[in-house]
Structures are given as structure tokens and as C-alpha cells.
Protein backbone atom coordinates (compact mmCIF):
# COMPACT_ATOMS: atom_id res chain seq x y z
CA UNK A 1 -25.85 -41.77 33.25
CA UNK A 2 -27.35 -38.44 32.23
CA UNK A 3 -24.59 -36.63 34.09
CA UNK A 4 -21.91 -38.53 32.14
CA UNK A 5 -23.64 -37.79 28.83
CA UNK A 6 -23.94 -34.11 29.71
CA UNK A 7 -20.29 -33.98 30.78
CA UNK A 8 -19.16 -35.70 27.57
CA UNK A 9 -21.28 -33.33 25.46
CA UNK A 10 -19.82 -30.35 27.30
CA UNK A 11 -16.28 -31.55 26.56
CA UNK A 12 -17.13 -32.04 22.87
CA UNK A 13 -18.52 -28.50 22.61
CA UNK A 14 -15.50 -27.03 24.40
CA UNK A 15 -13.11 -28.91 22.10
CA UNK A 16 -14.99 -27.76 19.00
CA UNK A 17 -14.91 -24.18 20.24
CA UNK A 18 -11.18 -24.39 20.98
CA UNK A 19 -10.43 -25.73 17.49
CA UNK A 20 -12.56 -23.03 15.86
CA UNK A 21 -10.87 -20.33 17.93
CA UNK A 22 -7.40 -21.61 17.06
CA UNK A 23 -8.25 -21.76 13.35
CA UNK A 24 -9.62 -18.22 13.43
CA UNK A 25 -6.58 -16.94 15.28
CA UNK A 26 -4.24 -18.67 12.83
CA UNK A 27 -6.07 -17.14 9.87
CA UNK A 28 -6.14 -13.65 11.32
CA UNK A 29 -2.40 -13.61 12.00
CA UNK A 30 -1.26 -15.45 8.88
CA UNK A 31 0.18 -12.30 7.36
CA UNK A 32 2.27 -11.70 10.47
CA UNK A 33 4.26 -14.90 10.19
CA UNK A 34 7.77 -15.02 8.76
CA UNK A 35 9.27 -18.22 7.38
CA UNK A 36 12.90 -18.18 6.28
CA UNK A 37 13.45 -18.67 2.56
CA UNK A 38 16.66 -18.58 0.48
CA UNK A 39 15.99 -14.94 -0.50
CA UNK A 40 14.50 -13.79 2.81
CA UNK A 41 16.27 -14.75 5.98
CA UNK A 42 18.25 -12.87 8.66
CA UNK A 43 21.57 -14.35 7.55
CA UNK A 44 21.52 -12.47 4.25
CA UNK A 45 23.58 -9.25 4.44
CA UNK A 46 21.69 -6.01 3.86
CA UNK A 47 22.63 -2.38 4.28
CA UNK A 48 21.62 0.97 2.88
CA UNK A 49 23.43 2.08 -0.25
CA UNK A 50 25.92 4.92 0.01
CA UNK A 51 23.42 7.37 -1.50
CA UNK A 52 20.70 6.20 0.87
CA UNK A 53 23.00 6.41 3.89
CA UNK A 54 22.99 10.17 3.28
CA UNK A 55 19.20 10.08 3.11
CA UNK A 56 19.16 8.16 6.39
CA UNK A 57 21.15 10.95 8.05
CA UNK A 58 18.79 13.54 6.61
CA UNK A 59 15.72 11.63 7.86
CA UNK A 60 17.20 11.20 11.34
CA UNK A 61 17.95 14.93 11.52
CA UNK A 62 14.19 15.57 11.66
CA UNK A 63 13.93 13.93 15.09
CA UNK A 64 15.54 14.52 18.50
CA UNK A 65 18.53 12.25 19.05
CA UNK A 66 16.72 10.42 21.85
CA UNK A 67 13.69 9.74 19.62
CA UNK A 68 15.36 8.10 16.64
CA UNK A 69 12.76 5.33 16.75
CA UNK A 70 10.22 7.87 15.45
CA UNK A 71 11.96 7.61 12.06
CA UNK A 72 10.98 3.95 11.64
CA UNK A 73 8.31 4.54 8.96
CA UNK A 74 10.33 6.77 6.59
CA UNK A 75 13.36 4.49 7.02
CA UNK A 76 11.32 1.40 6.22
CA UNK A 77 9.93 3.18 3.18
CA UNK A 78 13.45 4.04 2.02
CA UNK A 79 14.60 0.46 2.55
CA UNK A 80 11.62 -0.84 0.59
CA UNK A 81 12.38 1.49 -2.31
CA UNK A 82 16.01 0.35 -2.35
CA UNK A 83 15.03 -3.33 -2.29
CA UNK A 84 12.71 -3.17 -5.27
CA UNK A 85 9.42 -2.71 -3.48
CA UNK A 86 9.51 -5.19 -0.62
CA UNK A 87 11.12 -5.60 2.80
CA UNK A 88 13.15 -8.71 3.62
CA UNK A 89 13.70 -9.43 7.29
CA UNK A 90 17.37 -8.45 7.00
CA UNK A 91 16.36 -4.96 5.81
CA UNK A 92 14.08 -4.60 8.83
CA UNK A 93 16.96 -5.67 11.05
CA UNK A 94 19.15 -3.00 9.43
CA UNK A 95 16.54 -0.34 10.20
CA UNK A 96 16.34 -1.57 13.82
CA UNK A 97 20.11 -1.18 14.10
CA UNK A 98 19.99 2.38 12.76
CA UNK A 99 17.33 3.53 15.21
CA UNK A 100 18.73 1.41 18.06
CA UNK A 101 15.67 -0.62 18.96
CA UNK A 102 14.94 -4.33 19.23
CA UNK A 103 14.05 -5.78 15.81
CA UNK A 104 10.58 -6.73 17.06
CA UNK A 105 9.76 -3.00 17.29
CA UNK A 106 10.38 -2.68 13.56
CA UNK A 107 8.52 -5.89 12.72
CA UNK A 108 5.49 -4.53 14.58
CA UNK A 109 5.37 -1.51 12.28
CA UNK A 110 6.10 -3.41 9.07
CA UNK A 111 3.32 -5.94 9.75
CA UNK A 112 0.78 -3.28 10.76
CA UNK A 113 0.90 -0.94 7.78
CA UNK A 114 -0.33 -2.33 4.48
CA UNK A 115 2.00 -0.12 2.41
CA UNK A 116 4.95 -2.25 3.51
CA UNK A 117 5.33 -5.35 1.35
CA UNK A 118 7.04 -8.34 2.95
CA UNK A 119 7.04 -10.45 -0.17
CA UNK A 120 8.21 -9.68 -3.68
CA UNK A 121 6.25 -7.30 -5.90
CA UNK A 122 6.66 -6.37 -9.53
CA UNK A 123 8.72 -3.44 -10.75
CA UNK A 124 5.33 -1.84 -11.29
CA UNK A 125 3.09 -2.57 -8.32
CA UNK A 126 -0.50 -1.76 -9.31
CA UNK A 127 -2.83 -1.05 -6.40
CA UNK A 128 -6.57 -0.87 -7.01
CA UNK A 129 -8.67 1.17 -4.60
CA UNK A 130 -11.24 -1.14 -3.01
CA UNK A 131 -13.19 1.32 -0.86
CA UNK A 132 -16.94 1.85 -1.38
CA UNK A 133 -16.93 4.88 -3.78
CA UNK A 134 -14.46 3.18 -6.13
CA UNK A 135 -16.27 -0.14 -5.78
CA UNK A 136 -19.58 1.47 -6.75
CA UNK A 137 -17.85 3.00 -9.78
CA UNK A 138 -16.41 -0.33 -10.96
CA UNK A 139 -13.12 -1.03 -9.18
CA UNK A 140 -13.86 -4.77 -9.05
CA UNK A 141 -14.20 -4.86 -12.84
CA UNK A 142 -10.91 -2.96 -13.14
CA UNK A 143 -9.10 -5.42 -10.90
CA UNK A 144 -10.60 -8.36 -12.82
CA UNK A 145 -9.45 -6.85 -16.13
CA UNK A 146 -5.93 -6.39 -14.72
CA UNK A 147 -5.66 -9.92 -13.33
CA UNK A 148 -7.01 -11.52 -16.50
CA UNK A 149 -4.75 -9.45 -18.74
CA UNK A 150 -1.62 -10.18 -16.69
CA UNK A 151 -2.52 -13.81 -15.95
CA UNK A 152 -1.92 -13.55 -12.19
CA UNK A 153 -3.86 -13.60 -8.94
CA UNK A 154 -3.89 -10.75 -6.49
CA UNK A 155 -0.43 -10.23 -4.90
CA UNK A 156 1.27 -12.51 -7.44
CA UNK A 157 4.10 -11.29 -9.67
CA UNK A 158 4.12 -11.83 -13.43
CA UNK A 159 6.74 -14.27 -14.74
CA UNK A 160 8.79 -11.41 -16.23
CA UNK A 161 8.88 -9.66 -12.84
CA UNK A 162 7.33 -6.48 -14.22
CA UNK A 163 3.87 -6.38 -12.65
CA UNK A 164 1.97 -7.28 -9.53
CA UNK A 165 -1.55 -6.34 -8.50
CA UNK A 166 -2.74 -5.52 -5.00
CA UNK A 167 -5.56 -3.70 -3.25
CA UNK A 168 -5.41 -0.59 -1.13
CA UNK A 169 -8.11 1.07 0.89
CA UNK A 170 -9.22 4.66 0.33
CA UNK A 171 -6.60 6.76 -1.46
CA UNK A 172 -8.55 9.98 -1.01
CA UNK A 173 -9.65 10.55 -4.62
CA UNK A 174 -13.30 9.55 -4.28
CA UNK A 175 -14.45 12.38 -6.55
CA UNK A 176 -12.42 10.82 -9.40
CA UNK A 177 -13.36 7.21 -8.65
CA UNK A 178 -12.43 4.58 -9.64
CA UNK A 179 -8.67 4.85 -9.40
CA UNK A 180 -5.42 2.94 -9.14
CA UNK A 181 -1.96 3.89 -8.02
CA UNK A 182 1.28 2.67 -9.56
CA UNK A 183 4.32 2.24 -7.32
CA UNK A 184 7.21 2.34 -9.80
CA UNK A 185 10.32 0.55 -8.50
CA UNK A 186 11.88 0.11 -11.95
CA UNK A 187 14.64 2.64 -11.25
CA UNK A 188 15.30 1.93 -7.57
CA UNK A 189 15.04 4.48 -4.80
CA UNK A 190 16.67 7.18 -6.93
CA UNK A 191 13.89 7.10 -9.51
CA UNK A 192 11.01 5.83 -7.36
CA UNK A 193 7.58 7.29 -8.17
CA UNK A 194 4.11 6.72 -6.75
CA UNK A 195 1.39 8.08 -9.02
CA UNK A 196 -2.41 8.16 -9.03
CA UNK A 197 -4.43 7.38 -12.15
CA UNK A 198 -8.08 8.36 -11.78
CA UNK A 199 -11.35 7.93 -13.71
CA UNK A 200 -10.11 4.52 -14.83
CA UNK A 201 -12.01 2.07 -17.01
CA UNK A 202 -11.17 -1.61 -17.64
CA UNK A 203 -10.01 -0.70 -21.14
CA UNK A 204 -7.89 2.22 -19.94
CA UNK A 205 -6.17 0.24 -17.19
CA UNK A 206 -4.94 -2.32 -19.74
CA UNK A 207 -3.67 0.53 -21.93
CA UNK A 208 -1.76 1.88 -18.91
CA UNK A 209 -0.17 -1.54 -18.31
CA UNK A 210 1.00 -1.79 -21.90
CA UNK A 211 2.40 1.76 -21.83
CA UNK A 212 4.39 0.88 -18.72
CA UNK A 213 5.59 -2.31 -20.38
CA UNK A 214 6.96 -0.21 -23.25
CA UNK A 215 8.66 2.15 -20.81
CA UNK A 216 6.32 5.03 -21.58
CA UNK A 217 5.40 7.42 -18.78
CA UNK A 218 1.91 8.84 -18.94
CA UNK A 219 0.76 11.93 -17.01
CA UNK A 220 -0.83 10.97 -13.68
CA UNK A 221 -4.25 12.18 -12.61
CA UNK A 222 -7.60 11.89 -14.33
CA UNK A 223 -7.75 9.71 -17.43
CA UNK A 224 -11.00 11.34 -18.55
CA UNK A 225 -10.19 13.86 -21.31
CA UNK A 226 -13.41 15.72 -20.55
CA UNK A 227 -12.28 16.60 -17.01
CA UNK A 228 -9.66 18.96 -15.66
CA UNK A 229 -8.26 17.52 -12.45
CA UNK A 230 -11.26 17.10 -10.11
CA UNK A 231 -13.53 19.48 -12.00
CA UNK A 232 -16.86 18.39 -13.44
CA UNK A 233 -16.95 16.65 -16.80
CA UNK A 234 -17.46 19.24 -19.53
CA UNK A 235 -16.38 22.17 -17.36
CA UNK A 236 -17.93 24.24 -14.62
CA UNK A 237 -21.62 25.11 -14.72
CA UNK A 238 -21.53 27.19 -11.52
CA UNK A 239 -19.02 29.49 -9.82
CA UNK A 240 -18.06 30.97 -13.17
CA UNK A 241 -16.91 34.30 -11.70
CA UNK A 242 -14.92 35.32 -8.66
CA UNK A 243 -17.13 35.22 -5.56
CA UNK A 244 -18.03 38.48 -3.90
CA UNK A 245 -16.30 39.09 -0.57
CA UNK A 246 -18.48 39.02 2.53
CA UNK A 247 -19.68 42.43 3.74
CA UNK A 248 -17.59 43.85 6.54
CA UNK A 249 -19.15 43.75 9.95
CA UNK A 250 -19.13 46.87 12.06
CA UNK A 251 -17.59 45.42 15.20
CA UNK A 252 -17.85 48.76 16.97
CA UNK A 253 -21.63 48.52 16.76
CA UNK A 254 -21.72 45.29 18.78
């Protein structure tokens, strides 16, 4: 009797563990799934534009002919620029054909790197830095101000197709935290820009959105008028003169 109860309990625990494991695995790989949709399926034709075909040749020229697969990242980036900021499966298949590899080799790259978008983004894709220095300096408040102002959730596109908001990890401007970057796909791959805007506040980020909406282009970099690039607010207080060179060492005396 006790043996049967113990065996039944063991089976219940194993089943619960299996279900939990499967749920966790499904969640962790959710972003790696592809489901065909009318605007994203392998039957849709896709090829590089004539101008970008020349860029493809130039990119491939940087690699030995037997290592064309090494060009997968710049080619995916070019395809994403051409397609308005995201990569349909047919574009990935086109890249695989160019570098002569199985499509799965391209999918592996596109699903690994967060800079490749596999669903639609806005013409202006706003990425908020979410790493610790920016978070300490208020990046969560900046993202909240953006989402509330635009009326979307993270990774959604506004109804007019102009804006989407995402998160990116450290962009390397911790000294000017918090910051956002704007990937501008409004003019296709010919006019594509990717600019940093630093020392952001919730008020300033909304001003930036409205300037973009009006088609105005503001200078990238710090948005703090009291700073010059990454210099201290108000100007330098040390290192005001050229440093003295180190004294020469008499190597012959060694």
C-alpha cells in the first residue's frame, strides 16, 4: 500500500516537473519561433534593390571568396534597412542565397542578435537603454513617458506607423546616462541613420518625438546645454592646461 502511494506520488512529481520544464522552455524560445503571416512568409518575393546589390558586392569584397558566410551580419543589416527596419523570413532567405548557406544558418544569427527585428517597427524605432547606469539615472521613467505619450506598449507600433519603442542593453554612453537611440528608417537604406541622444529627461524625450513627427532633425549627442559632449556640466575644473610630458629616462644608465 505504502509502495503504491509512494510510486503514485513520484509519478505526480515527475509529471509536474515535466510540465514546468516544458513551459519554461516554451517561454525561453518564444522569440525564436516563426509563424507565417500574410506579410511574412517564404512565398513572398524579396530581393535587394539595384542600389543595394552594389552594396552587397562591396560588402562581399571584404571577405575571402570561400568565407562569404562571414558577411551575414552586414548583409542582414542592409536587408533590414531596405525593408523598413525589420527582417521578414524571405529577406533572410535572400541573404542565405547570396552567401550560399542553408537558411537555418541565417536564422540562427537573426534570432541571436537583438538588433535584428523580426516584426514590424516604426519608421522611427526608439530604443531606451536599460542597463544599470541608465536605469539609476531614470531610464524607466523615460520609457514610461514615451509609452504613455505614444499610447503603445513596448515593441508595438503606433497606428500611423511612425514610432515604436524598444529596449537595448548598454550602448556605451554611461557617462551621459540616461540615453536613447533612434533608428531612422523613414528614408530607406539610402537615408538610414542611427543616432544617440544622451542626458535625456522625460520631458526632453517627448520633445524629441514631436520634432521627429514634424520631420525636424536635431543634433545627436548630449541634450544637456551645460555639457560639451562627455565633458562635465559647467566645463572642466581640472586639466585646464596641456599636461607636462614625462621626463625622459636615461636608458643607458640601466
